């Protein structure tokens, strides 16, 4: 009986210990991520984000390239001084671009694991790792 209770207790503890990792600038440095999208999505419309030295951030919004200075405070990712190219794209892509950049500016709760990066805004934005120039 005691062994069964101990086994159940240990199982619950291990289930509760899902590793989303402590998110900090160092853990994300030199990593590249791509928004997980349906196969029907055009390749050029995919959102990407890269974390560089000094926690500079750049990427592609599906329409324009962007860059800025990142900071993680209290489990949230903030990007300030955002600059970007100014191409005009389809209204749907422009709306998604604005939602993504606004979320980065006001701060997005962030979860980080070995194979997933999740930014929470009005919806959860799930990113998977991609090989880039750092790999």
N, C-alpha and C. Protein backbone atom coordinates (compact mmCIF):
# COMPACT_ATOMS: atom_id res chain seq x y z
N UNK A 1 0.82 -1.19 0.00
CA UNK A 1 0.00 0.00 0.00
C UNK A 1 0.87 1.26 0.00
N UNK A 2 1.89 1.26 0.88
CA UNK A 2 2.77 2.43 0.94
C UNK A 2 3.53 2.61 -0.37
N UNK A 3 3.95 1.48 -0.98
CA UNK A 3 4.68 1.57 -2.25
C UNK A 3 3.79 2.13 -3.34
N UNK A 4 2.54 1.72 -3.37
CA UNK A 4 1.61 2.22 -4.38
C UNK A 4 1.38 3.71 -4.20
N UNK A 5 1.18 4.14 -2.96
CA UNK A 5 0.99 5.56 -2.68
C UNK A 5 2.22 6.36 -3.10
N UNK A 6 3.40 5.87 -2.76
CA UNK A 6 4.65 6.56 -3.10
C UNK A 6 4.81 6.63 -4.62
N UNK A 7 4.50 5.54 -5.31
CA UNK A 7 4.60 5.52 -6.76
C UNK A 7 3.66 6.54 -7.39
N UNK A 8 2.43 6.62 -6.91
CA UNK A 8 1.45 7.59 -7.42
C UNK A 8 1.91 9.02 -7.16
N UNK A 9 2.44 9.26 -5.98
CA UNK A 9 2.92 10.59 -5.64
C UNK A 9 4.08 10.99 -6.55
N UNK A 10 5.02 10.10 -6.78
CA UNK A 10 6.16 10.40 -7.64
C UNK A 10 5.69 10.63 -9.08
N UNK A 11 4.72 9.88 -9.54
CA UNK A 11 4.18 10.05 -10.90
C UNK A 11 3.58 11.44 -11.06
N UNK A 12 2.81 11.86 -10.06
CA UNK A 12 2.21 13.20 -10.12
C UNK A 12 3.26 14.29 -10.12
N UNK A 13 4.30 14.12 -9.32
CA UNK A 13 5.37 15.11 -9.29
C UNK A 13 6.08 15.20 -10.64
N UNK A 14 6.35 14.06 -11.25
CA UNK A 14 7.04 14.07 -12.53
C UNK A 14 6.18 14.66 -13.63
N UNK A 15 4.89 14.40 -13.61
CA UNK A 15 3.99 14.97 -14.60
C UNK A 15 3.95 16.49 -14.44
N UNK A 16 3.99 16.97 -13.24
CA UNK A 16 3.96 18.40 -12.96
C UNK A 16 5.24 19.11 -13.29
N UNK A 17 6.28 18.35 -13.63
CA UNK A 17 7.58 18.95 -13.88
C UNK A 17 7.87 19.07 -15.37
N UNK A 18 6.87 19.33 -16.18
CA UNK A 18 7.09 19.51 -17.60
C UNK A 18 8.07 20.66 -17.79
N UNK A 19 9.11 20.43 -18.55
CA UNK A 19 10.16 21.41 -18.69
C UNK A 19 9.84 22.38 -19.82
N UNK A 20 9.41 23.56 -19.47
CA UNK A 20 9.29 24.62 -20.47
C UNK A 20 10.55 25.48 -20.42
N UNK A 21 11.42 25.21 -19.47
CA UNK A 21 12.70 25.90 -19.39
C UNK A 21 12.56 27.31 -18.86
N UNK A 22 13.62 27.75 -18.21
CA UNK A 22 13.69 29.13 -17.80
C UNK A 22 14.05 29.94 -19.02
N UNK A 23 13.23 30.87 -19.35
CA UNK A 23 13.45 31.67 -20.55
C UNK A 23 14.28 32.88 -20.18
N UNK A 24 15.42 33.00 -20.83
CA UNK A 24 16.25 34.19 -20.69
C UNK A 24 16.96 34.43 -22.01
N UNK A 25 17.58 35.57 -22.12
CA UNK A 25 18.24 35.94 -23.38
C UNK A 25 19.31 34.92 -23.75
N UNK A 26 20.02 34.41 -22.76
CA UNK A 26 21.10 33.46 -23.03
C UNK A 26 20.57 32.17 -23.63
N UNK A 27 19.44 31.68 -23.15
CA UNK A 27 18.91 30.41 -23.64
C UNK A 27 18.38 30.52 -25.07
N UNK A 28 18.01 31.71 -25.52
CA UNK A 28 17.50 31.90 -26.88
C UNK A 28 18.56 32.40 -27.86
N UNK A 29 19.69 32.87 -27.35
CA UNK A 29 20.73 33.47 -28.19
C UNK A 29 21.15 32.53 -29.31
N UNK A 30 21.25 33.09 -30.50
CA UNK A 30 21.65 32.38 -31.71
C UNK A 30 20.70 31.25 -32.06
N UNK A 31 19.41 31.48 -31.90
CA UNK A 31 18.44 30.48 -32.32
C UNK A 31 17.49 31.10 -33.35
N UNK A 32 16.92 30.24 -34.18
CA UNK A 32 16.00 30.66 -35.23
C UNK A 32 14.73 29.83 -35.13
N UNK A 33 13.59 30.49 -35.34
CA UNK A 33 12.29 29.85 -35.16
C UNK A 33 11.37 30.23 -36.30
N UNK A 34 10.46 29.31 -36.64
CA UNK A 34 9.49 29.54 -37.69
C UNK A 34 8.10 29.19 -37.18
N UNK A 35 7.15 30.07 -37.47
CA UNK A 35 5.78 29.84 -37.04
C UNK A 35 5.24 28.58 -37.69
N UNK A 36 4.64 27.73 -36.87
CA UNK A 36 4.05 26.51 -37.40
C UNK A 36 2.73 26.88 -38.06
N UNK A 37 2.64 26.60 -39.34
CA UNK A 37 1.47 26.98 -40.13
C UNK A 37 0.97 25.79 -40.94
N UNK A 38 -0.26 25.87 -41.41
CA UNK A 38 -0.78 24.79 -42.26
C UNK A 38 0.03 24.66 -43.54
N UNK A 39 0.03 23.47 -44.13
CA UNK A 39 0.77 23.21 -45.36
C UNK A 39 0.27 24.09 -46.51
N UNK A 40 -0.95 24.55 -46.42
CA UNK A 40 -1.52 25.38 -47.48
C UNK A 40 -0.94 26.79 -47.50
N UNK A 41 -0.27 27.19 -46.42
CA UNK A 41 0.30 28.53 -46.31
C UNK A 41 1.44 28.69 -47.32
N UNK A 42 1.51 29.83 -47.97
CA UNK A 42 2.59 30.10 -48.92
C UNK A 42 3.91 30.21 -48.18
N UNK A 43 4.97 29.67 -48.76
CA UNK A 43 6.29 29.67 -48.11
C UNK A 43 6.77 31.08 -47.80
N UNK A 44 6.49 32.03 -48.68
CA UNK A 44 6.96 33.40 -48.46
C UNK A 44 6.17 34.13 -47.38
N UNK A 45 5.02 33.58 -46.96
CA UNK A 45 4.18 34.21 -45.95
C UNK A 45 4.47 33.72 -44.53
N UNK A 46 5.48 32.90 -44.34
CA UNK A 46 5.79 32.30 -43.05
C UNK A 46 6.49 33.33 -42.15
N UNK A 47 6.10 33.37 -40.89
CA UNK A 47 6.73 34.27 -39.92
C UNK A 47 7.93 33.57 -39.30
N UNK A 48 9.06 34.26 -39.26
CA UNK A 48 10.27 33.74 -38.62
C UNK A 48 10.78 34.76 -37.61
N UNK A 49 11.55 34.26 -36.64
CA UNK A 49 12.17 35.14 -35.64
C UNK A 49 13.53 34.55 -35.27
N UNK A 50 14.54 35.42 -35.21
CA UNK A 50 15.90 35.01 -34.84
C UNK A 50 16.37 35.86 -33.66
N UNK A 51 17.11 35.23 -32.78
CA UNK A 51 17.67 35.90 -31.61
C UNK A 51 19.18 35.96 -31.79
N UNK A 52 19.74 37.17 -31.83
CA UNK A 52 21.15 37.39 -32.13
C UNK A 52 21.92 37.83 -30.90
N UNK A 53 23.18 38.18 -31.09
CA UNK A 53 24.02 38.70 -30.01
C UNK A 53 23.39 39.96 -29.43
N UNK A 54 23.67 40.23 -28.17
CA UNK A 54 23.14 41.39 -27.45
C UNK A 54 21.62 41.41 -27.48
N UNK A 55 21.02 40.25 -27.67
CA UNK A 55 19.58 40.02 -27.74
C UNK A 55 18.89 40.91 -28.76
N UNK A 56 19.59 41.14 -29.88
CA UNK A 56 18.96 41.76 -31.04
C UNK A 56 18.05 40.71 -31.67
N UNK A 57 16.93 41.14 -32.19
CA UNK A 57 15.95 40.23 -32.77
C UNK A 57 15.66 40.68 -34.19
N UNK A 58 15.60 39.70 -35.10
CA UNK A 58 15.15 40.04 -36.44
C UNK A 58 14.33 38.89 -36.98
N UNK A 59 13.69 39.13 -38.10
CA UNK A 59 12.88 38.07 -38.68
C UNK A 59 12.08 38.56 -39.86
N UNK A 60 11.12 37.74 -40.23
CA UNK A 60 10.26 38.02 -41.37
C UNK A 60 8.82 37.87 -40.88
N UNK A 61 7.97 38.81 -41.23
CA UNK A 61 6.59 38.80 -40.74
C UNK A 61 5.61 38.14 -41.71
N UNK A 62 6.15 37.58 -42.77
CA UNK A 62 5.29 37.03 -43.81
C UNK A 62 5.15 38.01 -44.96
N UNK A 63 5.54 39.24 -44.72
CA UNK A 63 5.50 40.27 -45.76
C UNK A 63 6.79 41.09 -45.70
N UNK A 64 7.11 41.61 -44.54
CA UNK A 64 8.26 42.48 -44.37
C UNK A 64 9.29 41.87 -43.43
N UNK A 65 10.52 42.32 -43.56
CA UNK A 65 11.59 41.97 -42.61
C UNK A 65 11.48 42.97 -41.45
N UNK A 66 11.82 42.50 -40.24
CA UNK A 66 11.79 43.40 -39.08
C UNK A 66 13.02 43.15 -38.23
N UNK A 67 13.32 44.12 -37.35
CA UNK A 67 14.43 44.00 -36.41
C UNK A 67 14.11 44.87 -35.20
N UNK A 68 14.76 44.59 -34.09
CA UNK A 68 14.55 45.37 -32.89
C UNK A 68 15.41 44.87 -31.75
N UNK A 69 15.27 45.50 -30.61
CA UNK A 69 16.03 45.13 -29.41
C UNK A 69 15.12 44.36 -28.47
N UNK A 70 15.50 43.13 -28.16
CA UNK A 70 14.69 42.29 -27.31
C UNK A 70 15.05 42.40 -25.84
N UNK A 71 14.10 42.05 -25.01
CA UNK A 71 14.29 42.01 -23.56
C UNK A 71 13.27 41.03 -22.98
N UNK A 72 13.71 40.27 -22.00
CA UNK A 72 12.78 39.39 -21.29
C UNK A 72 12.65 39.89 -19.87
N UNK A 73 11.41 40.23 -19.51
CA UNK A 73 11.11 40.70 -18.15
C UNK A 73 9.92 39.93 -17.63
N UNK A 74 10.08 39.37 -16.45
CA UNK A 74 8.98 38.67 -15.77
C UNK A 74 8.28 37.68 -16.69
N UNK A 75 9.07 36.92 -17.45
CA UNK A 75 8.51 35.88 -18.31
C UNK A 75 7.85 36.38 -19.58
N UNK A 76 8.10 37.65 -19.94
CA UNK A 76 7.52 38.20 -21.15
C UNK A 76 8.62 38.70 -22.08
N UNK A 77 8.42 38.49 -23.37
CA UNK A 77 9.33 39.00 -24.39
C UNK A 77 8.83 40.35 -24.86
N UNK A 78 9.71 41.35 -24.80
CA UNK A 78 9.41 42.69 -25.30
C UNK A 78 10.43 43.01 -26.39
N UNK A 79 9.97 43.64 -27.46
CA UNK A 79 10.86 44.09 -28.52
C UNK A 79 10.63 45.58 -28.71
N UNK A 80 11.68 46.36 -28.50
CA UNK A 80 11.59 47.81 -28.64
C UNK A 80 12.37 48.25 -29.87
N UNK A 81 12.17 49.49 -30.25
CA UNK A 81 12.86 50.09 -31.40
C UNK A 81 12.70 49.23 -32.65
N UNK A 82 11.47 48.79 -32.90
CA UNK A 82 11.22 47.94 -34.06
C UNK A 82 11.31 48.76 -35.34
N UNK A 83 12.10 48.25 -36.27
CA UNK A 83 12.21 48.82 -37.61
C UNK A 83 11.83 47.73 -38.59
N UNK A 84 11.42 48.15 -39.79
CA UNK A 84 11.01 47.14 -40.76
C UNK A 84 11.00 47.70 -42.16
N UNK A 85 11.00 46.79 -43.13
CA UNK A 85 10.80 47.20 -44.51
C UNK A 85 9.33 47.60 -44.66
N UNK A 86 8.98 48.22 -45.76
CA UNK A 86 7.62 48.75 -45.91
C UNK A 86 6.96 48.28 -47.21
N UNK A 87 6.94 46.98 -47.42
CA UNK A 87 6.26 46.44 -48.60
C UNK A 87 4.76 46.36 -48.32
N UNK A 88 3.97 46.54 -49.35
CA UNK A 88 2.53 46.38 -49.24
C UNK A 88 2.17 44.96 -49.66
N UNK A 89 1.47 44.26 -48.80
CA UNK A 89 1.10 42.88 -49.08
C UNK A 89 -0.41 42.72 -48.97
N UNK A 90 -0.86 41.51 -49.16
CA UNK A 90 -2.28 41.20 -49.08
C UNK A 90 -2.83 41.63 -47.72
N UNK A 91 -4.09 42.08 -47.66
CA UNK A 91 -4.68 42.53 -46.40
C UNK A 91 -4.59 41.49 -45.27
N UNK A 92 -4.82 40.22 -45.59
CA UNK A 92 -4.75 39.17 -44.57
C UNK A 92 -3.34 39.07 -43.97
N UNK A 93 -2.33 39.14 -44.83
CA UNK A 93 -0.94 39.06 -44.38
C UNK A 93 -0.57 40.31 -43.59
N UNK A 94 -1.01 41.48 -44.06
CA UNK A 94 -0.75 42.74 -43.34
C UNK A 94 -1.37 42.72 -41.94
N UNK A 95 -2.58 42.20 -41.82
CA UNK A 95 -3.26 42.15 -40.52
C UNK A 95 -2.50 41.23 -39.57
N UNK A 96 -2.05 40.09 -40.06
CA UNK A 96 -1.29 39.16 -39.22
C UNK A 96 0.05 39.78 -38.80
N UNK A 97 0.68 40.48 -39.74
CA UNK A 97 1.95 41.16 -39.45
C UNK A 97 1.77 42.19 -38.33
N UNK A 98 0.72 43.01 -38.43
CA UNK A 98 0.47 44.02 -37.41
C UNK A 98 0.17 43.39 -36.05
N UNK A 99 -0.61 42.33 -36.04
CA UNK A 99 -0.92 41.64 -34.77
C UNK A 99 0.36 41.09 -34.14
N UNK A 100 1.23 40.51 -34.93
CA UNK A 100 2.49 39.94 -34.43
C UNK A 100 3.41 41.03 -33.87
N UNK A 101 3.61 42.10 -34.63
CA UNK A 101 4.50 43.17 -34.18
C UNK A 101 3.94 43.91 -32.97
N UNK A 102 2.64 44.13 -32.93
CA UNK A 102 2.02 44.77 -31.76
C UNK A 102 2.22 43.92 -30.52
N UNK A 103 2.05 42.59 -30.67
CA UNK A 103 2.25 41.69 -29.55
C UNK A 103 3.68 41.79 -29.02
N UNK A 104 4.66 41.86 -29.91
CA UNK A 104 6.06 41.97 -29.48
C UNK A 104 6.32 43.29 -28.77
N UNK A 105 5.70 44.36 -29.23
CA UNK A 105 5.92 45.67 -28.60
C UNK A 105 5.31 45.77 -27.21
N UNK A 106 4.10 45.24 -27.02
CA UNK A 106 3.46 45.37 -25.71
C UNK A 106 3.90 44.28 -24.74
N UNK A 107 4.57 43.25 -25.26
CA UNK A 107 5.06 42.17 -24.41
C UNK A 107 4.21 40.93 -24.56
N UNK A 108 4.89 39.82 -24.76
CA UNK A 108 4.21 38.54 -24.95
C UNK A 108 4.74 37.53 -23.95
N UNK A 109 3.88 36.95 -23.13
CA UNK A 109 4.34 35.84 -22.28
C UNK A 109 4.98 34.77 -23.17
N UNK A 110 6.10 34.24 -22.72
CA UNK A 110 6.88 33.34 -23.55
C UNK A 110 7.13 32.01 -22.84
N UNK A 111 7.00 30.93 -23.58
CA UNK A 111 7.35 29.59 -23.11
C UNK A 111 8.40 29.05 -24.05
N UNK A 112 9.37 28.36 -23.50
CA UNK A 112 10.49 27.88 -24.31
C UNK A 112 10.83 26.45 -23.93
N UNK A 113 10.94 25.60 -24.93
CA UNK A 113 11.38 24.23 -24.75
C UNK A 113 12.37 23.90 -25.85
N UNK A 114 12.90 22.70 -25.85
CA UNK A 114 13.92 22.32 -26.82
C UNK A 114 13.40 22.42 -28.26
N UNK A 115 12.14 22.09 -28.48
CA UNK A 115 11.61 22.06 -29.83
C UNK A 115 10.42 22.96 -30.05
N UNK A 116 10.20 23.90 -29.12
CA UNK A 116 9.05 24.78 -29.28
C UNK A 116 9.26 26.10 -28.54
N UNK A 117 8.81 27.15 -29.18
CA UNK A 117 8.78 28.48 -28.60
C UNK A 117 7.35 28.96 -28.78
N UNK A 118 6.72 29.37 -27.69
CA UNK A 118 5.33 29.82 -27.76
C UNK A 118 5.25 31.24 -27.23
N UNK A 119 4.67 32.13 -28.03
CA UNK A 119 4.40 33.50 -27.61
C UNK A 119 2.89 33.63 -27.46
N UNK A 120 2.46 34.18 -26.35
CA UNK A 120 1.03 34.31 -26.08
C UNK A 120 0.60 35.75 -26.25
N UNK A 121 -0.33 35.96 -27.14
CA UNK A 121 -0.95 37.26 -27.35
C UNK A 121 -2.45 37.03 -27.30
N UNK A 122 -3.17 37.59 -28.27
CA UNK A 122 -4.60 37.28 -28.37
C UNK A 122 -4.80 35.80 -28.65
N UNK A 123 -3.81 35.19 -29.28
CA UNK A 123 -3.78 33.75 -29.54
C UNK A 123 -2.36 33.26 -29.24
N UNK A 124 -2.17 31.96 -29.17
CA UNK A 124 -0.84 31.40 -28.96
C UNK A 124 -0.16 31.25 -30.32
N UNK A 125 1.06 31.75 -30.41
CA UNK A 125 1.86 31.66 -31.63
C UNK A 125 2.92 30.59 -31.37
N UNK A 126 2.79 29.44 -32.02
CA UNK A 126 3.70 28.31 -31.82
C UNK A 126 4.78 28.31 -32.90
N UNK A 127 6.04 28.34 -32.44
CA UNK A 127 7.18 28.34 -33.35
C UNK A 127 7.98 27.06 -33.15
N UNK A 128 8.50 26.53 -34.25
CA UNK A 128 9.39 25.39 -34.19
C UNK A 128 10.79 25.84 -34.61
N UNK A 129 11.83 25.13 -34.15
CA UNK A 129 13.19 25.52 -34.50
C UNK A 129 13.49 25.27 -35.98
N UNK A 130 14.29 26.13 -36.56
CA UNK A 130 14.74 25.95 -37.94
C UNK A 130 16.25 26.14 -37.99
N UNK A 131 16.86 25.46 -38.91
CA UNK A 131 18.31 25.63 -39.10
C UNK A 131 18.53 26.91 -39.88
N UNK A 132 19.41 27.71 -39.38
CA UNK A 132 19.77 28.97 -40.03
C UNK A 132 21.28 29.11 -40.04
N UNK A 133 21.75 30.28 -40.16
CA UNK A 133 23.18 30.53 -40.25
C UNK A 133 23.95 30.17 -38.99
N UNK A 134 23.27 29.99 -37.87
CA UNK A 134 23.94 29.70 -36.62
C UNK A 134 24.27 28.22 -36.48
N UNK A 135 23.59 27.36 -37.25
CA UNK A 135 23.74 25.91 -37.09
C UNK A 135 24.91 25.37 -37.87
